[in-house]
Amino acid sequence: MKLRYRLLTILFLSGLLAFISTPAQAQVGDIGDILQSGREDANTLARAYLEPFGSGFGASLNTGWTNTAKPHGKFGFDVTVSAGLAIVPDAAKSFNVNELGLQKLELEGNNPISPTINGAEDTGSLLAAYEEINGSRQKLLEFNMPEGSGFSYVPAPMIKAGVGIIKDTELMLRYTPKTEIGDFGNFNLFGVGAKHGINQWLPGGKMLPVNLSVMFGYTNMEVGSDLDLAADDVIQDPNNTENPYNASQWEGQTVEMNTDSWTINALVGKSLPVVSVYAGVGYEASTFSITTPGSYPTVVPNEAFQNDPQNNEPLIVDAVDEPIDVSIDGDNGLRALAGFRLKFTVFHISGSYTLSNYSSYNLGVGISFR
């Protein structure tokens, strides 16, 4: 699979589990070019391009923790399969490359506005790097930033189990073992949470017509995949005598992504035999990181060319190790949420909406006892 499609596909890997087909996976330019632009600029561009995905993915993972304000009774339990969908705000769909402080790259042409991964399907800004070689300004590389996906949402599927214990307390778990998804890569997920009823601690609380509770949830998700950027992807003649690298040099290229998300909420709700409704306020936060272990080809001036008039290779391939190591704090914060559950004997359908910087929906189905 071409690198341009692979990286975007694995970014949406977990989303593909809930939304088997998304327009995002085939609507991106060559992200591989970013990797060969040098470590500092590669990190800057990756952060700007992926930032809404990191915030949106964290917001999506923070949904689906509960479908009622009331904790399960002792030994009651539920298993729920759900999918969160965060909405990317318009302000996060593009960025200005002139405001990034790039070190090696500079804007070519007159289009500094480039889409983010969740932006429009427009061609990204044209960037280039130059070097003075023997008194002449030589272009080292040139590429367009990737297109946006045209998909203004960030999905995240999840499976949650909850069980009631003592003192009106419910423990919750999310877990997916390391799972291979064809050629796209692998992922694994782990999360823990708890919900505790507080009516019991309030004077006359057991007489209230509503359930009051507090809940906390933490989720970690890891995604990984192989990459395949070779020397002939960055220079026309990588096999010249000045190039010491061969195909084995680029083995071991991978992309690894890690998302940590957590939320804490105060809930109020009413549970009836068939319908349960709830609402609440809380806080959410997330961190999204992406690293690219391995060596990647980049184009640099050939020092031998500058010192030897017989040398006719002004540019050669060099290697940059682990070019991207970016951590992005989610644009999260205070949130308000509301939801419902429809229960038919042991089966239930649930849904919720969260109002925050990255507002999100969640829809789930499952089984529930007590």
Protein backbone atom coordinates (compact mmCIF):
# COMPACT_ATOMS: atom_id res chain seq x y z
CA MET A 1 0.00 0.00 0.00
CA LYS A 2 1.36 3.44 -0.88
CA LEU A 3 2.56 5.49 2.10
CA ARG A 4 0.21 8.33 1.21
CA TYR A 5 -2.78 6.09 1.88
CA ARG A 6 -1.35 3.94 4.66
CA LEU A 7 -0.76 6.66 7.25
CA LEU A 8 -4.21 8.18 6.93
CA THR A 9 -5.76 4.72 6.97
CA ILE A 10 -4.10 3.79 10.24
CA LEU A 11 -5.00 7.15 11.76
CA PHE A 12 -8.60 6.15 11.20
CA LEU A 13 -7.94 2.48 11.97
CA SER A 14 -10.07 2.38 15.07
CA GLY A 15 -12.76 4.38 13.37
CA LEU A 16 -12.88 1.89 10.54
CA LEU A 17 -14.02 -0.75 12.99
CA ALA A 18 -17.24 1.20 13.52
CA PHE A 19 -17.46 2.92 10.14
CA ILE A 20 -16.17 0.34 7.66
CA SER A 21 -15.91 2.87 4.85
CA THR A 22 -14.94 6.50 5.35
CA PRO A 23 -14.02 9.05 2.67
CA ALA A 24 -10.94 9.92 4.69
CA GLN A 25 -8.87 6.88 3.81
CA ALA A 26 -8.21 7.79 0.16
CA GLN A 27 -8.24 11.60 0.22
CA VAL A 28 -4.75 12.63 1.31
CA GLY A 29 -1.53 13.67 -0.38
CA ASP A 30 1.89 12.14 0.19
CA ILE A 31 2.50 12.33 3.94
CA GLY A 32 5.79 10.57 3.24
CA ASP A 33 7.15 13.87 1.96
CA ILE A 34 6.74 15.34 5.43
CA LEU A 35 9.01 12.65 6.84
CA GLN A 36 11.89 13.56 4.53
CA SER A 37 11.73 17.30 5.26
CA GLY A 38 13.94 17.04 8.35
CA ARG A 39 13.14 16.28 11.99
CA GLU A 40 12.21 19.79 13.16
CA ASP A 41 9.96 20.72 10.24
CA ALA A 42 8.47 17.22 10.08
CA ASN A 43 7.35 17.52 13.70
CA THR A 44 5.95 21.01 13.15
CA LEU A 45 3.96 19.99 10.07
CA ALA A 46 2.73 16.73 11.59
CA ARG A 47 1.46 18.59 14.65
CA ALA A 48 -0.40 21.18 12.58
CA TYR A 49 -1.90 18.60 10.23
CA LEU A 50 -2.96 16.03 12.86
CA GLU A 51 -4.01 18.29 15.75
CA PRO A 52 -7.80 18.08 15.17
CA PHE A 53 -7.56 14.30 14.91
CA GLY A 54 -5.85 14.11 18.30
CA SER A 55 -8.42 16.33 19.99
CA GLY A 56 -11.35 14.65 18.26
CA PHE A 57 -10.16 11.13 18.98
CA GLY A 58 -9.73 11.94 22.65
CA ALA A 59 -13.23 13.42 22.78
CA SER A 60 -14.70 10.35 21.04
CA LEU A 61 -13.01 7.97 23.48
CA ASN A 62 -14.44 9.96 26.40
CA THR A 63 -17.98 9.08 25.31
CA GLY A 64 -19.84 5.83 25.91
CA TRP A 65 -18.90 5.35 29.57
CA THR A 66 -22.46 5.39 30.87
CA ASN A 67 -26.05 5.16 29.69
CA THR A 68 -27.78 5.95 33.01
CA ALA A 69 -27.07 8.08 36.06
CA LYS A 70 -27.89 5.15 38.34
CA PRO A 71 -25.11 2.61 39.03
CA HIS A 72 -25.90 -1.09 38.71
CA GLY A 73 -27.19 -2.87 41.79
CA LYS A 74 -24.91 -5.39 43.45
CA PHE A 75 -23.77 -7.94 40.85
CA GLY A 76 -25.85 -6.28 38.14
CA PHE A 77 -23.92 -5.79 34.92
CA ASP A 78 -24.00 -4.61 31.31
CA VAL A 79 -21.95 -5.12 28.17
CA THR A 80 -22.29 -2.34 25.61
CA VAL A 81 -20.82 -1.93 22.13
CA SER A 82 -20.86 1.71 21.05
CA ALA A 83 -19.30 4.19 18.67
CA GLY A 84 -18.36 7.77 19.46
CA LEU A 85 -18.24 10.48 16.80
CA ALA A 86 -16.54 13.81 17.55
CA ILE A 87 -17.32 16.90 15.45
CA VAL A 88 -14.28 18.90 14.31
CA PRO A 89 -14.92 22.69 14.57
CA ASP A 90 -14.40 24.82 11.46
CA ALA A 91 -11.45 26.67 13.03
CA ALA A 92 -9.53 23.36 13.22
CA LYS A 93 -9.92 22.44 9.54
CA SER A 94 -7.03 24.51 8.18
CA PHE A 95 -3.80 26.23 9.24
CA ASN A 96 -1.39 28.88 7.90
CA VAL A 97 2.05 27.46 7.10
CA ASN A 98 3.58 30.95 7.37
CA GLU A 99 2.69 30.97 11.06
CA LEU A 100 4.43 27.68 11.89
CA GLY A 101 8.02 28.98 12.06
CA LEU A 102 9.43 26.37 9.64
CA GLN A 103 13.24 26.12 9.68
CA LYS A 104 14.20 24.37 6.45
CA LEU A 105 11.07 24.65 4.33
CA GLU A 106 9.54 27.74 2.77
CA LEU A 107 6.31 28.49 0.97
CA GLU A 108 6.26 28.22 -2.82
CA GLY A 109 3.51 30.13 -4.59
CA ASN A 110 0.85 32.21 -2.86
CA ASN A 111 -1.29 29.69 -0.96
CA PRO A 112 -0.28 29.60 2.73
CA ILE A 113 -3.58 28.07 3.92
CA SER A 114 -3.40 24.30 4.07
CA PRO A 115 -6.11 21.85 5.21
CA THR A 116 -5.71 19.71 8.31
CA ILE A 117 -6.48 16.00 8.18
CA ASN A 118 -10.16 16.84 8.80
CA GLY A 119 -10.21 19.76 6.37
CA ALA A 120 -11.45 20.16 2.83
CA GLU A 121 -10.28 17.97 -0.04
CA ASP A 122 -8.10 20.80 -1.35
CA THR A 123 -4.47 20.61 -2.40
CA GLY A 124 -2.22 21.61 0.47
CA SER A 125 0.36 24.40 0.40
CA LEU A 126 3.41 23.89 -1.82
CA LEU A 127 6.62 23.81 0.24
CA ALA A 128 10.26 23.61 -0.82
CA ALA A 129 13.74 23.56 0.69
CA TYR A 130 16.80 25.21 -0.89
CA GLU A 131 20.55 25.17 -0.28
CA GLU A 132 23.41 27.33 -1.54
CA ILE A 133 25.72 25.00 -3.51
CA ASN A 134 28.81 26.44 -5.20
CA GLY A 135 27.19 29.87 -5.23
CA SER A 136 23.98 28.61 -6.78
CA ARG A 137 20.63 28.22 -5.01
CA GLN A 138 19.77 24.54 -5.42
CA LYS A 139 16.31 23.11 -4.69
CA LEU A 140 16.61 20.08 -2.40
CA LEU A 141 12.98 19.03 -2.36
CA GLU A 142 9.48 20.23 -3.12
CA PHE A 143 6.09 18.83 -2.15
CA ASN A 144 2.50 19.73 -1.47
CA MET A 145 1.10 19.29 1.99
CA PRO A 146 -1.50 16.50 2.12
CA GLU A 147 -5.09 17.17 1.20
CA GLY A 148 -7.75 17.10 3.86
CA SER A 149 -10.04 14.11 4.09
CA GLY A 150 -13.26 16.09 3.64
CA PHE A 151 -14.48 14.16 6.71
CA SER A 152 -15.27 16.56 9.57
CA TYR A 153 -15.65 13.87 12.22
CA VAL A 154 -13.41 11.59 14.25
CA PRO A 155 -14.94 8.17 15.09
CA ALA A 156 -13.93 5.79 17.86
CA PRO A 157 -15.57 2.42 18.62
CA MET A 158 -15.51 0.84 22.05
CA ILE A 159 -16.74 -2.12 24.09
CA LYS A 160 -17.52 -1.48 27.75
CA ALA A 161 -18.48 -3.79 30.60
CA GLY A 162 -19.80 -2.60 33.95
CA VAL A 163 -20.60 -4.46 37.16
CA GLY A 164 -22.24 -3.30 40.36
CA ILE A 165 -20.48 -3.86 43.70
CA ILE A 166 -21.14 -2.55 47.20
CA LYS A 167 -22.30 0.91 48.30
CA ASP A 168 -24.06 1.80 45.05
CA THR A 169 -20.79 1.64 43.15
CA GLU A 170 -20.23 0.37 39.61
CA LEU A 171 -16.85 -0.59 38.18
CA MET A 172 -16.33 -0.30 34.42
CA LEU A 173 -13.79 -1.81 32.06
CA ARG A 174 -12.81 -1.37 28.44
CA TYR A 175 -10.42 -3.84 26.86
CA THR A 176 -9.41 -4.95 23.38
CA PRO A 177 -6.33 -7.21 23.03
CA LYS A 178 -3.77 -6.43 20.36
CA THR A 179 -5.62 -7.00 17.11
CA GLU A 180 -4.22 -7.12 13.56
CA ILE A 181 -6.35 -5.47 10.84
CA GLY A 182 -4.98 -6.89 7.58
CA ASP A 183 -2.22 -4.75 6.10
CA PHE A 184 -3.39 -1.64 7.94
CA GLY A 185 -1.69 -2.40 11.24
CA ASN A 186 -2.71 -3.27 14.77
CA PHE A 187 -4.40 -1.70 17.74
CA ASN A 188 -5.18 -2.39 21.39
CA LEU A 189 -7.29 -0.57 23.96
CA PHE A 190 -7.62 -0.50 27.72
CA GLY A 191 -9.79 1.62 29.98
CA VAL A 192 -11.10 1.71 33.54
CA GLY A 193 -13.87 3.71 35.13
CA ALA A 194 -16.19 3.92 38.12
CA LYS A 195 -19.61 5.36 38.91
CA HIS A 196 -20.82 6.03 42.45
CA GLY A 197 -24.32 6.97 43.61
CA ILE A 198 -24.36 9.88 46.09
CA ASN A 199 -28.04 9.90 47.10
CA GLN A 200 -27.04 7.69 50.05
CA TRP A 201 -24.78 10.40 51.43
CA LEU A 202 -27.31 13.26 51.26
CA PRO A 203 -29.85 13.98 54.01
CA GLY A 204 -33.12 12.67 52.60
CA GLY A 205 -31.27 11.63 49.45
CA LYS A 206 -33.05 8.29 49.19
CA MET A 207 -36.34 10.17 48.99
CA LEU A 208 -35.28 12.18 45.94
CA PRO A 209 -37.11 11.32 42.69
CA VAL A 210 -33.83 11.33 40.74
CA ASN A 211 -30.50 9.51 40.89
CA LEU A 212 -27.36 11.53 41.58
CA SER A 213 -23.93 10.12 40.87
CA VAL A 214 -20.33 10.92 39.97
CA MET A 215 -18.25 9.00 37.46
CA PHE A 216 -14.70 8.81 36.17
CA GLY A 217 -13.28 7.12 33.08
CA TYR A 218 -9.78 6.66 31.61
CA THR A 219 -8.96 5.10 28.23
CA ASN A 220 -5.64 4.32 26.53
CA MET A 221 -5.51 3.25 22.89
CA GLU A 222 -2.42 2.29 20.87
CA VAL A 223 -2.24 1.98 17.09
CA GLY A 224 0.76 0.83 15.04
CA SER A 225 1.64 0.07 11.42
CA ASP A 226 4.63 -0.45 9.14
CA LEU A 227 5.78 2.25 6.70
CA ASP A 228 7.76 1.86 3.48
CA LEU A 229 9.49 5.08 2.42
CA ALA A 230 12.55 4.22 0.30
CA ALA A 231 15.37 6.29 -1.22
CA ASP A 232 13.82 6.24 -4.69
CA ASP A 233 10.74 7.96 -3.22
CA VAL A 234 12.75 11.14 -2.53
CA ILE A 235 15.35 11.33 -5.31
CA GLN A 236 15.35 10.22 -8.95
CA ASP A 237 18.70 8.42 -8.89
CA PRO A 238 19.32 7.02 -5.40
CA ASN A 239 21.83 4.45 -6.68
CA ASN A 240 24.58 6.93 -7.53
CA THR A 241 28.09 6.32 -6.22
CA GLU A 242 27.72 8.94 -3.49
CA ASN A 243 24.69 7.21 -1.94
CA PRO A 244 25.73 4.73 0.78
CA TYR A 245 22.22 3.52 1.50
CA ASN A 246 20.42 0.48 0.15
CA ALA A 247 16.99 -1.02 0.61
CA SER A 248 17.85 -2.65 3.94
CA GLN A 249 18.64 0.78 5.43
CA TRP A 250 14.93 1.63 5.47
CA GLU A 251 13.67 -1.57 7.07
CA GLY A 252 11.93 -1.22 10.42
CA GLN A 253 10.00 1.95 9.56
CA THR A 254 6.84 2.12 11.66
CA VAL A 255 4.32 4.64 12.89
CA GLU A 256 3.09 4.35 16.45
CA MET A 257 0.22 6.34 17.95
CA ASN A 258 -0.94 6.53 21.52
CA THR A 259 -4.02 8.26 22.92
CA ASP A 260 -4.77 8.85 26.61
CA SER A 261 -8.17 10.30 27.47
CA TRP A 262 -10.00 10.81 30.74
CA THR A 263 -13.20 12.41 31.97
CA ILE A 264 -14.95 13.10 35.27
CA ASN A 265 -18.66 13.98 35.48
CA ALA A 266 -21.51 14.70 37.86
CA LEU A 267 -24.78 13.09 36.69
CA VAL A 268 -28.48 13.38 37.44
CA GLY A 269 -31.07 11.09 35.92
CA LYS A 270 -34.21 9.01 36.23
CA SER A 271 -34.47 5.28 35.50
CA LEU A 272 -37.81 3.72 34.61
CA PRO A 273 -38.52 0.13 33.50
CA VAL A 274 -38.13 0.96 29.80
CA VAL A 275 -36.71 4.47 29.52
CA SER A 276 -33.82 6.04 31.40
CA VAL A 277 -32.64 9.61 30.86
CA TYR A 278 -29.72 11.52 32.34
CA ALA A 279 -27.75 14.74 32.07
CA GLY A 280 -24.57 16.04 33.59
CA VAL A 281 -21.59 18.36 33.58
CA GLY A 282 -17.92 17.51 33.79
CA TYR A 283 -14.40 17.88 32.47
CA GLU A 284 -12.46 15.95 29.83
CA ALA A 285 -8.84 15.89 28.68
CA SER A 286 -6.70 13.89 26.28
CA THR A 287 -3.19 13.53 24.90
CA PHE A 288 -2.37 12.17 21.45
CA SER A 289 1.19 11.21 20.49
CA ILE A 290 2.71 9.93 17.25
CA THR A 291 6.24 8.62 16.69
CA THR A 292 7.98 7.13 13.66
CA PRO A 293 10.75 4.70 14.71
CA GLY A 294 13.23 3.73 12.01
CA SER A 295 15.40 5.54 9.46
CA TYR A 296 13.90 7.61 6.65
CA PRO A 297 15.53 9.04 3.50
CA THR A 298 16.00 12.75 2.99
CA VAL A 299 17.84 14.80 0.34
CA VAL A 300 20.93 16.79 1.32
CA PRO A 301 23.72 18.64 -0.54
CA ASN A 302 26.65 16.46 -1.62
CA GLU A 303 29.80 17.88 -0.01
CA ALA A 304 31.95 15.98 -2.53
CA PHE A 305 30.20 17.84 -5.36
CA GLN A 306 31.18 21.19 -3.82
CA ASN A 307 34.83 20.18 -3.51
CA ASP A 308 35.33 18.03 -6.60
CA PRO A 309 34.60 19.53 -10.05
CA GLN A 310 34.57 16.00 -11.50
CA ASN A 311 31.60 15.03 -9.28
CA ASN A 312 28.27 15.50 -11.03
CA GLU A 313 25.94 14.63 -8.14
CA PRO A 314 24.89 17.86 -6.34
CA LEU A 315 22.34 16.05 -4.17
CA ILE A 316 22.46 12.72 -2.35
CA VAL A 317 20.29 10.72 0.01
CA ASP A 318 20.91 10.93 3.73
CA ALA A 319 19.05 9.28 6.62
CA VAL A 320 17.06 10.89 9.42
CA ASP A 321 16.20 8.67 12.37
CA GLU A 322 12.80 8.82 14.08
CA PRO A 323 11.81 12.08 12.34
CA ILE A 324 8.44 12.50 14.07
CA ASP A 325 7.93 12.53 17.82
CA VAL A 326 4.89 14.70 18.54
CA SER A 327 2.62 14.93 21.55
CA ILE A 328 -0.63 16.89 21.18
CA ASP A 329 -2.78 17.93 24.12
CA GLY A 330 -6.45 17.73 23.17
CA ASP A 331 -8.46 20.94 22.86
CA ASN A 332 -10.80 19.66 25.55
CA GLY A 333 -12.17 21.12 28.77
CA LEU A 334 -15.55 21.63 30.42
CA ARG A 335 -18.42 19.65 28.95
CA ALA A 336 -22.14 19.10 29.31
CA LEU A 337 -23.80 15.84 28.36
CA ALA A 338 -27.22 14.25 28.06
CA GLY A 339 -28.35 10.78 27.08
CA PHE A 340 -30.94 8.03 27.18
CA ARG A 341 -31.34 4.28 27.34
CA LEU A 342 -34.19 2.16 26.01
CA LYS A 343 -34.30 -1.26 27.67
CA PHE A 344 -36.23 -4.24 26.31
CA THR A 345 -35.94 -7.12 28.81
CA VAL A 346 -32.14 -7.61 28.83
CA PHE A 347 -31.34 -5.76 25.60
CA HIS A 348 -30.83 -2.01 25.43
CA ILE A 349 -30.18 0.82 22.98
CA SER A 350 -28.45 3.95 24.23
CA GLY A 351 -27.42 7.32 22.89
CA SER A 352 -25.81 10.52 24.14
CA TYR A 353 -24.65 13.96 23.09
CA THR A 354 -21.73 15.85 24.64
CA LEU A 355 -21.35 19.62 24.25
CA SER A 356 -17.69 20.68 24.45
CA ASN A 357 -14.91 22.19 22.33
CA TYR A 358 -15.13 19.01 20.25
CA SER A 359 -18.79 18.06 20.66
CA SER A 360 -19.59 14.40 20.13
CA TYR A 361 -22.32 11.79 19.73
CA ASN A 362 -22.39 8.21 20.94
CA LEU A 363 -24.72 5.37 19.98
CA GLY A 364 -24.62 1.91 21.54
CA VAL A 365 -26.35 -1.45 21.88
CA GLY A 366 -25.89 -4.15 24.48
CA ILE A 367 -27.29 -6.31 27.25
CA SER A 368 -28.02 -5.24 30.81
CA PHE A 369 -29.14 -6.95 34.03
CA ARG A 370 -30.30 -5.01 37.09
